[in-house]
Amino acid sequence: PVAVILLAKTGVVSVDKLVAARPYVIVGAFVIA
């Protein structure tokens, strides 16, 4: 959550793009696990 908020707060990534990246995050989470 800190990384996500920091990315959005600094304007590096918009919230809409964070939402669009959800499927890739889910796949990445299971790969990392």
Full PDB file with SEQRES, HELIX, SHEET, SSBOND, CRYST1, ORIGX, SCALE, CONECT and MASTER records, all heavy atoms in Angstrom:
SEQRES   1 A   33  PRO VAL ALA VAL ILE LEU LEU ALA LYS THR GLY VAL VAL          
SEQRES   2 A   33  SER VAL ASP LYS LEU VAL ALA ALA ARG PRO TYR VAL ILE          
SEQRES   3 A   33  VAL GLY ALA PHE VAL ILE ALA                                  
HELIX    1 AA1 VAL A    2  LYS A    9  1                                   8    
HELIX    2 AA2 VAL A   15  ALA A   20  1                                   6    
HELIX    3 AA3 ARG A   22  ILE A   32  1                                  11    
CRYST1    1.000    1.000    1.000  90.00  90.00  90.00 P 1           1          
ORIGX1      1.000000  0.000000  0.000000        0.00000                         
ORIGX2      0.000000  1.000000  0.000000        0.00000                         
ORIGX3      0.000000  0.000000  1.000000        0.00000                         
SCALE1      1.000000  0.000000  0.000000        0.00000                         
SCALE2      0.000000  1.000000  0.000000        0.00000                         
SCALE3      0.000000  0.000000  1.000000        0.00000                         
ATOM      1  N   PRO A   1       0.813  -1.231   0.000  1.00  0.00           N  
ATOM      2  CA  PRO A   1       0.000   0.000   0.000  1.00  0.00           C  
ATOM      3  C   PRO A   1       0.840   1.271   0.000  1.00  0.00           C  
ATOM      4  O   PRO A   1       0.485   2.251  -0.654  1.00  0.00           O  
ATOM      5  CB  PRO A   1      -0.824  -0.123   1.288  1.00  0.00           C  
ATOM      6  CG  PRO A   1      -0.853  -1.572   1.594  1.00  0.00           C  
ATOM      7  CD  PRO A   1       0.461  -2.108   1.137  1.00  0.00           C  
ATOM      8  N   VAL A   2       1.958   1.263   0.721  1.00  0.00           N  
ATOM      9  CA  VAL A   2       2.830   2.438   0.755  1.00  0.00           C  
ATOM     10  C   VAL A   2       3.395   2.713  -0.633  1.00  0.00           C  
ATOM     11  O   VAL A   2       3.427   3.867  -1.091  1.00  0.00           O  
ATOM     12  CB  VAL A   2       3.967   2.242   1.776  1.00  0.00           C  
ATOM     13  CG1 VAL A   2       4.944   3.406   1.722  1.00  0.00           C  
ATOM     14  CG2 VAL A   2       3.405   2.092   3.180  1.00  0.00           C  
ATOM     15  N   ALA A   3       3.840   1.672  -1.326  1.00  0.00           N  
ATOM     16  CA  ALA A   3       4.391   1.841  -2.670  1.00  0.00           C  
ATOM     17  C   ALA A   3       3.327   2.371  -3.631  1.00  0.00           C  
ATOM     18  O   ALA A   3       3.598   3.270  -4.439  1.00  0.00           O  
ATOM     19  CB  ALA A   3       4.954   0.511  -3.172  1.00  0.00           C  
ATOM     20  N   VAL A   4       2.121   1.837  -3.534  1.00  0.00           N  
ATOM     21  CA  VAL A   4       1.039   2.275  -4.427  1.00  0.00           C  
ATOM     22  C   VAL A   4       0.683   3.740  -4.160  1.00  0.00           C  
ATOM     23  O   VAL A   4       0.548   4.548  -5.099  1.00  0.00           O  
ATOM     24  CB  VAL A   4      -0.194   1.369  -4.243  1.00  0.00           C  
ATOM     25  CG1 VAL A   4      -1.385   1.926  -5.010  1.00  0.00           C  
ATOM     26  CG2 VAL A   4       0.114  -0.046  -4.713  1.00  0.00           C  
ATOM     27  N   ILE A   5       0.532   4.094  -2.900  1.00  0.00           N  
ATOM     28  CA  ILE A   5       0.185   5.472  -2.550  1.00  0.00           C  
ATOM     29  C   ILE A   5       1.296   6.431  -2.974  1.00  0.00           C  
ATOM     30  O   ILE A   5       1.027   7.530  -3.479  1.00  0.00           O  
ATOM     31  CB  ILE A   5      -0.085   5.579  -1.038  1.00  0.00           C  
ATOM     32  CG1 ILE A   5      -1.339   4.781  -0.675  1.00  0.00           C  
ATOM     33  CG2 ILE A   5      -0.249   7.034  -0.602  1.00  0.00           C  
ATOM     34  CD1 ILE A   5      -1.565   4.643   0.817  1.00  0.00           C  
ATOM     35  N   LEU A   6       2.541   6.018  -2.791  1.00  0.00           N  
ATOM     36  CA  LEU A   6       3.669   6.875  -3.162  1.00  0.00           C  
ATOM     37  C   LEU A   6       3.707   7.109  -4.666  1.00  0.00           C  
ATOM     38  O   LEU A   6       3.959   8.231  -5.130  1.00  0.00           O  
ATOM     39  CB  LEU A   6       4.975   6.240  -2.689  1.00  0.00           C  
ATOM     40  CG  LEU A   6       6.239   7.093  -2.831  1.00  0.00           C  
ATOM     41  CD1 LEU A   6       6.105   8.367  -2.014  1.00  0.00           C  
ATOM     42  CD2 LEU A   6       7.455   6.310  -2.396  1.00  0.00           C  
ATOM     43  N   LEU A   7       3.451   6.060  -5.455  1.00  0.00           N  
ATOM     44  CA  LEU A   7       3.431   6.206  -6.908  1.00  0.00           C  
ATOM     45  C   LEU A   7       2.336   7.178  -7.348  1.00  0.00           C  
ATOM     46  O   LEU A   7       2.539   8.015  -8.234  1.00  0.00           O  
ATOM     47  CB  LEU A   7       3.221   4.845  -7.573  1.00  0.00           C  
ATOM     48  CG  LEU A   7       4.400   3.869  -7.537  1.00  0.00           C  
ATOM     49  CD1 LEU A   7       3.979   2.516  -8.077  1.00  0.00           C  
ATOM     50  CD2 LEU A   7       5.576   4.419  -8.336  1.00  0.00           C  
ATOM     51  N   ALA A   8       1.174   7.049  -6.726  1.00  0.00           N  
ATOM     52  CA  ALA A   8       0.069   7.936  -7.088  1.00  0.00           C  
ATOM     53  C   ALA A   8       0.290   9.353  -6.565  1.00  0.00           C  
ATOM     54  O   ALA A   8      -0.011  10.336  -7.246  1.00  0.00           O  
ATOM     55  CB  ALA A   8      -1.244   7.380  -6.539  1.00  0.00           C  
ATOM     56  N   LYS A   9       0.817   9.482  -5.363  1.00  0.00           N  
ATOM     57  CA  LYS A   9       1.031  10.787  -4.751  1.00  0.00           C  
ATOM     58  C   LYS A   9       2.038  11.620  -5.520  1.00  0.00           C  
ATOM     59  O   LYS A   9       1.885  12.837  -5.677  1.00  0.00           O  
ATOM     60  CB  LYS A   9       1.507  10.593  -3.304  1.00  0.00           C  
ATOM     61  CG  LYS A   9       1.690  11.881  -2.516  1.00  0.00           C  
ATOM     62  CD  LYS A   9       0.379  12.526  -2.178  1.00  0.00           C  
ATOM     63  CE  LYS A   9       0.578  13.743  -1.270  1.00  0.00           C  
ATOM     64  NZ  LYS A   9      -0.686  14.425  -0.950  1.00  0.00           N  
ATOM     65  N   THR A  10       3.100  10.989  -6.015  1.00  0.00           N  
ATOM     66  CA  THR A  10       4.136  11.699  -6.761  1.00  0.00           C  
ATOM     67  C   THR A  10       3.752  11.924  -8.217  1.00  0.00           C  
ATOM     68  O   THR A  10       4.476  12.612  -8.950  1.00  0.00           O  
ATOM     69  CB  THR A  10       5.466  10.924  -6.712  1.00  0.00           C  
ATOM     70  OG1 THR A  10       5.253   9.588  -7.193  1.00  0.00           O  
ATOM     71  CG2 THR A  10       5.994  10.874  -5.287  1.00  0.00           C  
ATOM     72  N   GLY A  11       2.631  11.350  -8.652  1.00  0.00           N  
ATOM     73  CA  GLY A  11       2.185  11.552 -10.021  1.00  0.00           C  
ATOM     74  C   GLY A  11       2.885  10.693 -11.040  1.00  0.00           C  
ATOM     75  O   GLY A  11       2.723  10.895 -12.244  1.00  0.00           O  
ATOM     76  N   VAL A  12       3.656   9.716 -10.594  1.00  0.00           N  
ATOM     77  CA  VAL A  12       4.343   8.835 -11.540  1.00  0.00           C  
ATOM     78  C   VAL A  12       3.349   7.960 -12.288  1.00  0.00           C  
ATOM     79  O   VAL A  12       3.482   7.719 -13.489  1.00  0.00           O  
ATOM     80  CB  VAL A  12       5.376   7.960 -10.796  1.00  0.00           C  
ATOM     81  CG1 VAL A  12       6.013   6.947 -11.736  1.00  0.00           C  
ATOM     82  CG2 VAL A  12       6.450   8.840 -10.163  1.00  0.00           C  
ATOM     83  N   VAL A  13       2.331   7.483 -11.575  1.00  0.00           N  
ATOM     84  CA  VAL A  13       1.293   6.641 -12.173  1.00  0.00           C  
ATOM     85  C   VAL A  13      -0.060   7.148 -11.692  1.00  0.00           C  
ATOM     86  O   VAL A  13      -0.220   7.475 -10.510  1.00  0.00           O  
ATOM     87  CB  VAL A  13       1.466   5.159 -11.780  1.00  0.00           C  
ATOM     88  CG1 VAL A  13       0.396   4.298 -12.434  1.00  0.00           C  
ATOM     89  CG2 VAL A  13       2.847   4.656 -12.168  1.00  0.00           C  
ATOM     90  N   SER A  14      -1.006   7.215 -12.580  1.00  0.00           N  
ATOM     91  CA  SER A  14      -2.353   7.628 -12.185  1.00  0.00           C  
ATOM     92  C   SER A  14      -3.098   6.476 -11.523  1.00  0.00           C  
ATOM     93  O   SER A  14      -2.740   5.306 -11.699  1.00  0.00           O  
ATOM     94  CB  SER A  14      -3.132   8.117 -13.411  1.00  0.00           C  
ATOM     95  OG  SER A  14      -3.388   7.024 -14.286  1.00  0.00           O  
ATOM     96  N   VAL A  15      -4.133   6.826 -10.787  1.00  0.00           N  
ATOM     97  CA  VAL A  15      -4.939   5.801 -10.127  1.00  0.00           C  
ATOM     98  C   VAL A  15      -5.610   4.900 -11.160  1.00  0.00           C  
ATOM     99  O   VAL A  15      -5.739   3.692 -10.963  1.00  0.00           O  
ATOM    100  CB  VAL A  15      -5.978   6.452  -9.194  1.00  0.00           C  
ATOM    101  CG1 VAL A  15      -6.896   5.386  -8.578  1.00  0.00           C  
ATOM    102  CG2 VAL A  15      -5.306   7.251  -8.098  1.00  0.00           C  
ATOM    103  N   ASP A  16      -6.042   5.486 -12.282  1.00  0.00           N  
ATOM    104  CA  ASP A  16      -6.679   4.690 -13.326  1.00  0.00           C  
ATOM    105  C   ASP A  16      -5.724   3.635 -13.883  1.00  0.00           C  
ATOM    106  O   ASP A  16      -6.114   2.499 -14.166  1.00  0.00           O  
ATOM    107  CB  ASP A  16      -7.159   5.599 -14.460  1.00  0.00           C  
ATOM    108  CG  ASP A  16      -8.370   6.421 -14.048  1.00  0.00           C  
ATOM    109  OD1 ASP A  16      -9.047   6.021 -13.080  1.00  0.00           O  
ATOM    110  OD2 ASP A  16      -8.603   7.468 -14.677  1.00  0.00           O  
ATOM    111  N   LYS A  17      -4.459   4.006 -14.020  1.00  0.00           N  
ATOM    112  CA  LYS A  17      -3.483   3.029 -14.521  1.00  0.00           C  
ATOM    113  C   LYS A  17      -3.183   1.962 -13.473  1.00  0.00           C  
ATOM    114  O   LYS A  17      -2.917   0.816 -13.817  1.00  0.00           O  
ATOM    115  CB  LYS A  17      -2.197   3.753 -14.932  1.00  0.00           C  
ATOM    116  CG  LYS A  17      -2.340   4.538 -16.223  1.00  0.00           C  
ATOM    117  CD  LYS A  17      -1.005   5.051 -16.717  1.00  0.00           C  
ATOM    118  CE  LYS A  17      -1.159   5.743 -18.057  1.00  0.00           C  
ATOM    119  NZ  LYS A  17       0.141   6.228 -18.597  1.00  0.00           N  
ATOM    120  N   LEU A  18      -3.221   2.347 -12.202  1.00  0.00           N  
ATOM    121  CA  LEU A  18      -3.046   1.357 -11.145  1.00  0.00           C  
ATOM    122  C   LEU A  18      -4.188   0.349 -11.163  1.00  0.00           C  
ATOM    123  O   LEU A  18      -3.979  -0.850 -10.955  1.00  0.00           O  
ATOM    124  CB  LEU A  18      -2.979   2.054  -9.789  1.00  0.00           C  
ATOM    125  CG  LEU A  18      -1.719   2.886  -9.514  1.00  0.00           C  
ATOM    126  CD1 LEU A  18      -1.877   3.675  -8.222  1.00  0.00           C  
ATOM    127  CD2 LEU A  18      -0.492   1.993  -9.436  1.00  0.00           C  
ATOM    128  N   VAL A  19      -5.393   0.833 -11.413  1.00  0.00           N  
ATOM    129  CA  VAL A  19      -6.544  -0.068 -11.500  1.00  0.00           C  
ATOM    130  C   VAL A  19      -6.411  -0.975 -12.726  1.00  0.00           C  
ATOM    131  O   VAL A  19      -6.693  -2.181 -12.658  1.00  0.00           O  
ATOM    132  CB  VAL A  19      -7.853   0.744 -11.568  1.00  0.00           C  
ATOM    133  CG1 VAL A  19      -9.051  -0.174 -11.829  1.00  0.00           C  
ATOM    134  CG2 VAL A  19      -8.066   1.523 -10.279  1.00  0.00           C  
ATOM    135  N   ALA A  20      -5.967  -0.400 -13.851  1.00  0.00           N  
ATOM    136  CA  ALA A  20      -5.815  -1.195 -15.074  1.00  0.00           C  
ATOM    137  C   ALA A  20      -4.736  -2.254 -14.932  1.00  0.00           C  
ATOM    138  O   ALA A  20      -4.776  -3.292 -15.615  1.00  0.00           O  
ATOM    139  CB  ALA A  20      -5.484  -0.274 -16.250  1.00  0.00           C  
ATOM    140  N   ALA A  21      -3.770  -2.018 -14.037  1.00  0.00           N  
ATOM    141  CA  ALA A  21      -2.677  -2.976 -13.857  1.00  0.00           C  
ATOM    142  C   ALA A  21      -3.040  -4.110 -12.916  1.00  0.00           C  
ATOM    143  O   ALA A  21      -2.203  -4.997 -12.680  1.00  0.00           O  
ATOM    144  CB  ALA A  21      -1.443  -2.247 -13.322  1.00  0.00           C  
ATOM    145  N   ARG A  22      -4.268  -4.136 -12.393  1.00  0.00           N  
ATOM    146  CA  ARG A  22      -4.669  -5.133 -11.412  1.00  0.00           C  
ATOM    147  C   ARG A  22      -4.438  -6.572 -11.898  1.00  0.00           C  
ATOM    148  O   ARG A  22      -3.897  -7.393 -11.137  1.00  0.00           O  
ATOM    149  CB  ARG A  22      -6.132  -4.925 -11.015  1.00  0.00           C  
ATOM    150  CG  ARG A  22      -6.603  -5.881  -9.916  1.00  0.00           C  
ATOM    151  CD  ARG A  22      -8.088  -5.733  -9.658  1.00  0.00           C  
ATOM    152  NE  ARG A  22      -8.404  -4.437  -9.074  1.00  0.00           N  
ATOM    153  CZ  ARG A  22      -9.246  -3.558  -9.621  1.00  0.00           C  
ATOM    154  NH1 ARG A  22      -9.815  -3.832 -10.786  1.00  0.00           N  
ATOM    155  NH2 ARG A  22      -9.503  -2.417  -9.018  1.00  0.00           N  
ATOM    156  N   PRO A  23      -4.833  -6.950 -13.119  1.00  0.00           N  
ATOM    157  CA  PRO A  23      -4.598  -8.345 -13.544  1.00  0.00           C  
ATOM    158  C   PRO A  23      -3.122  -8.730 -13.536  1.00  0.00           C  
ATOM    159  O   PRO A  23      -2.775  -9.860 -13.157  1.00  0.00           O  
ATOM    160  CB  PRO A  23      -5.174  -8.377 -14.968  1.00  0.00           C  
ATOM    161  CG  PRO A  23      -6.153  -7.249 -15.009  1.00  0.00           C  
ATOM    162  CD  PRO A  23      -5.572  -6.187 -14.138  1.00  0.00           C  
ATOM    163  N   TYR A  24      -2.258  -7.798 -13.937  1.00  0.00           N  
ATOM    164  CA  TYR A  24      -0.823  -8.103 -13.952  1.00  0.00           C  
ATOM    165  C   TYR A  24      -0.282  -8.224 -12.523  1.00  0.00           C  
ATOM    166  O   TYR A  24       0.611  -9.044 -12.260  1.00  0.00           O  
ATOM    167  CB  TYR A  24      -0.075  -6.999 -14.701  1.00  0.00           C  
ATOM    168  CG  TYR A  24      -0.565  -6.795 -16.112  1.00  0.00           C  
ATOM    169  CD1 TYR A  24      -1.440  -5.756 -16.421  1.00  0.00           C  
ATOM    170  CD2 TYR A  24      -0.161  -7.650 -17.137  1.00  0.00           C  
ATOM    171  CE1 TYR A  24      -1.901  -5.571 -17.719  1.00  0.00           C  
ATOM    172  CE2 TYR A  24      -0.610  -7.472 -18.436  1.00  0.00           C  
ATOM    173  CZ  TYR A  24      -1.489  -6.429 -18.715  1.00  0.00           C  
ATOM    174  OH  TYR A  24      -1.939  -6.266 -19.998  1.00  0.00           O  
ATOM    175  N   VAL A  25      -0.826  -7.419 -11.621  1.00  0.00           N  
ATOM    176  CA  VAL A  25      -0.405  -7.488 -10.222  1.00  0.00           C  
ATOM    177  C   VAL A  25      -0.793  -8.835  -9.620  1.00  0.00           C  
ATOM    178  O   VAL A  25      -0.014  -9.448  -8.874  1.00  0.00           O  
ATOM    179  CB  VAL A  25      -1.025  -6.330  -9.412  1.00  0.00           C  
ATOM    180  CG1 VAL A  25      -0.749  -6.500  -7.925  1.00  0.00           C  
ATOM    181  CG2 VAL A  25      -0.472  -5.002  -9.898  1.00  0.00           C  
ATOM    182  N   ILE A  26      -1.984  -9.321  -9.928  1.00  0.00           N  
ATOM    183  CA  ILE A  26      -2.437 -10.609  -9.400  1.00  0.00           C  
ATOM    184  C   ILE A  26      -1.535 -11.737  -9.888  1.00  0.00           C  
ATOM    185  O   ILE A  26      -1.092 -12.588  -9.108  1.00  0.00           O  
ATOM    186  CB  ILE A  26      -3.905 -10.858  -9.811  1.00  0.00           C  
ATOM    187  CG1 ILE A  26      -4.825  -9.834  -9.141  1.00  0.00           C  
ATOM    188  CG2 ILE A  26      -4.329 -12.283  -9.437  1.00  0.00           C  
ATOM    189  CD1 ILE A  26      -6.275  -9.923  -9.587  1.00  0.00           C  
ATOM    190  N   VAL A  27      -1.236 -11.727 -11.191  1.00  0.00           N  
ATOM    191  CA  VAL A  27      -0.342 -12.757 -11.735  1.00  0.00           C  
ATOM    192  C   VAL A  27       1.035 -12.645 -11.102  1.00  0.00           C  
ATOM    193  O   VAL A  27       1.653 -13.649 -10.692  1.00  0.00           O  
ATOM    194  CB  VAL A  27      -0.247 -12.634 -13.271  1.00  0.00           C  
ATOM    195  CG1 VAL A  27       0.796 -13.602 -13.822  1.00  0.00           C  
ATOM    196  CG2 VAL A  27      -1.597 -12.898 -13.912  1.00  0.00           C  
ATOM    197  N   GLY A  28       1.547 -11.417 -10.993  1.00  0.00           N  
ATOM    198  CA  GLY A  28       2.856 -11.213 -10.395  1.00  0.00           C  
ATOM    199  C   GLY A  28       2.911 -11.647  -8.943  1.00  0.00           C  
ATOM    200  O   GLY A  28       3.921 -12.200  -8.487  1.00  0.00           O  
ATOM    201  N   ALA A  29       1.807 -11.420  -8.204  1.00  0.00           N  
ATOM    202  CA  ALA A  29       1.765 -11.811  -6.799  1.00  0.00           C  
ATOM    203  C   ALA A  29       1.898 -13.319  -6.643  1.00  0.00           C  
ATOM    204  O   ALA A  29       2.635 -13.811  -5.776  1.00  0.00           O  
ATOM    205  CB  ALA A  29       0.469 -11.322  -6.160  1.00  0.00           C  
ATOM    206  N   PHE A  30       1.215 -14.075  -7.482  1.00  0.00           N  
ATOM    207  CA  PHE A  30       1.287 -15.536  -7.385  1.00  0.00           C  
ATOM    208  C   PHE A  30       2.646 -16.060  -7.870  1.00  0.00           C  
ATOM    209  O   PHE A  30       3.139 -17.057  -7.348  1.00  0.00           O  
ATOM    210  CB  PHE A  30       0.149 -16.174  -8.186  1.00  0.00           C  
ATOM    211  CG  PHE A  30      -1.161 -16.189  -7.450  1.00  0.00           C  
ATOM    212  CD1 PHE A  30      -2.051 -15.140  -7.578  1.00  0.00           C  
ATOM    213  CD2 PHE A  30      -1.495 -17.242  -6.620  1.00  0.00           C  
ATOM    214  CE1 PHE A  30      -3.261 -15.139  -6.886  1.00  0.00           C  
ATOM    215  CE2 PHE A  30      -2.692 -17.263  -5.924  1.00  0.00           C  
ATOM    216  CZ  PHE A  30      -3.581 -16.201  -6.059  1.00  0.00           C  
ATOM    217  N   VAL A  31       3.241 -15.385  -8.842  1.00  0.00           N  
ATOM    218  CA  VAL A  31       4.579 -15.788  -9.289  1.00  0.00           C  
ATOM    219  C   VAL A  31       5.598 -15.552  -8.182  1.00  0.00           C  
ATOM    220  O   VAL A  31       6.435 -16.411  -7.880  1.00  0.00           O  
ATOM    221  CB  VAL A  31       4.969 -15.017 -10.571  1.00  0.00           C  
ATOM    222  CG1 VAL A  31       6.437 -15.268 -10.912  1.00  0.00           C  
ATOM    223  CG2 VAL A  31       4.086 -15.432 -11.734  1.00  0.00           C  
ATOM    224  N   ILE A  32       5.538 -14.383  -7.559  1.00  0.00           N  
ATOM    225  CA  ILE A  32       6.458 -14.066  -6.461  1.00  0.00           C  
ATOM    226  C   ILE A  32       6.265 -15.035  -5.304  1.00  0.00           C  
ATOM    227  O   ILE A  32       7.232 -15.517  -4.703  1.00  0.00           O  
ATOM    228  CB  ILE A  32       6.246 -12.614  -6.004  1.00  0.00           C  
ATOM    229  CG1 ILE A  32       6.676 -11.642  -7.113  1.00  0.00           C  
ATOM    230  CG2 ILE A  32       7.028 -12.334  -4.720  1.00  0.00           C  
ATOM    231  CD1 ILE A  32       6.344 -10.197  -6.814  1.00  0.00           C  
ATOM    232  N   ALA A  33       5.001 -15.322  -4.970  1.00  0.00           N  
ATOM    233  CA  ALA A  33       4.721 -16.255  -3.878  1.00  0.00           C  
ATOM    234  C   ALA A  33       5.261 -17.640  -4.183  1.00  0.00           C  
ATOM    235  O   ALA A  33       5.787 -18.329  -3.297  1.00  0.00           O  
ATOM    236  CB  ALA A  33       3.218 -16.312  -3.621  1.00  0.00           C  
TER     237      ALA A  33                                                      
MASTER        0    0    0    3    0    0    0    6  236    1    0    3          
END                                                                             
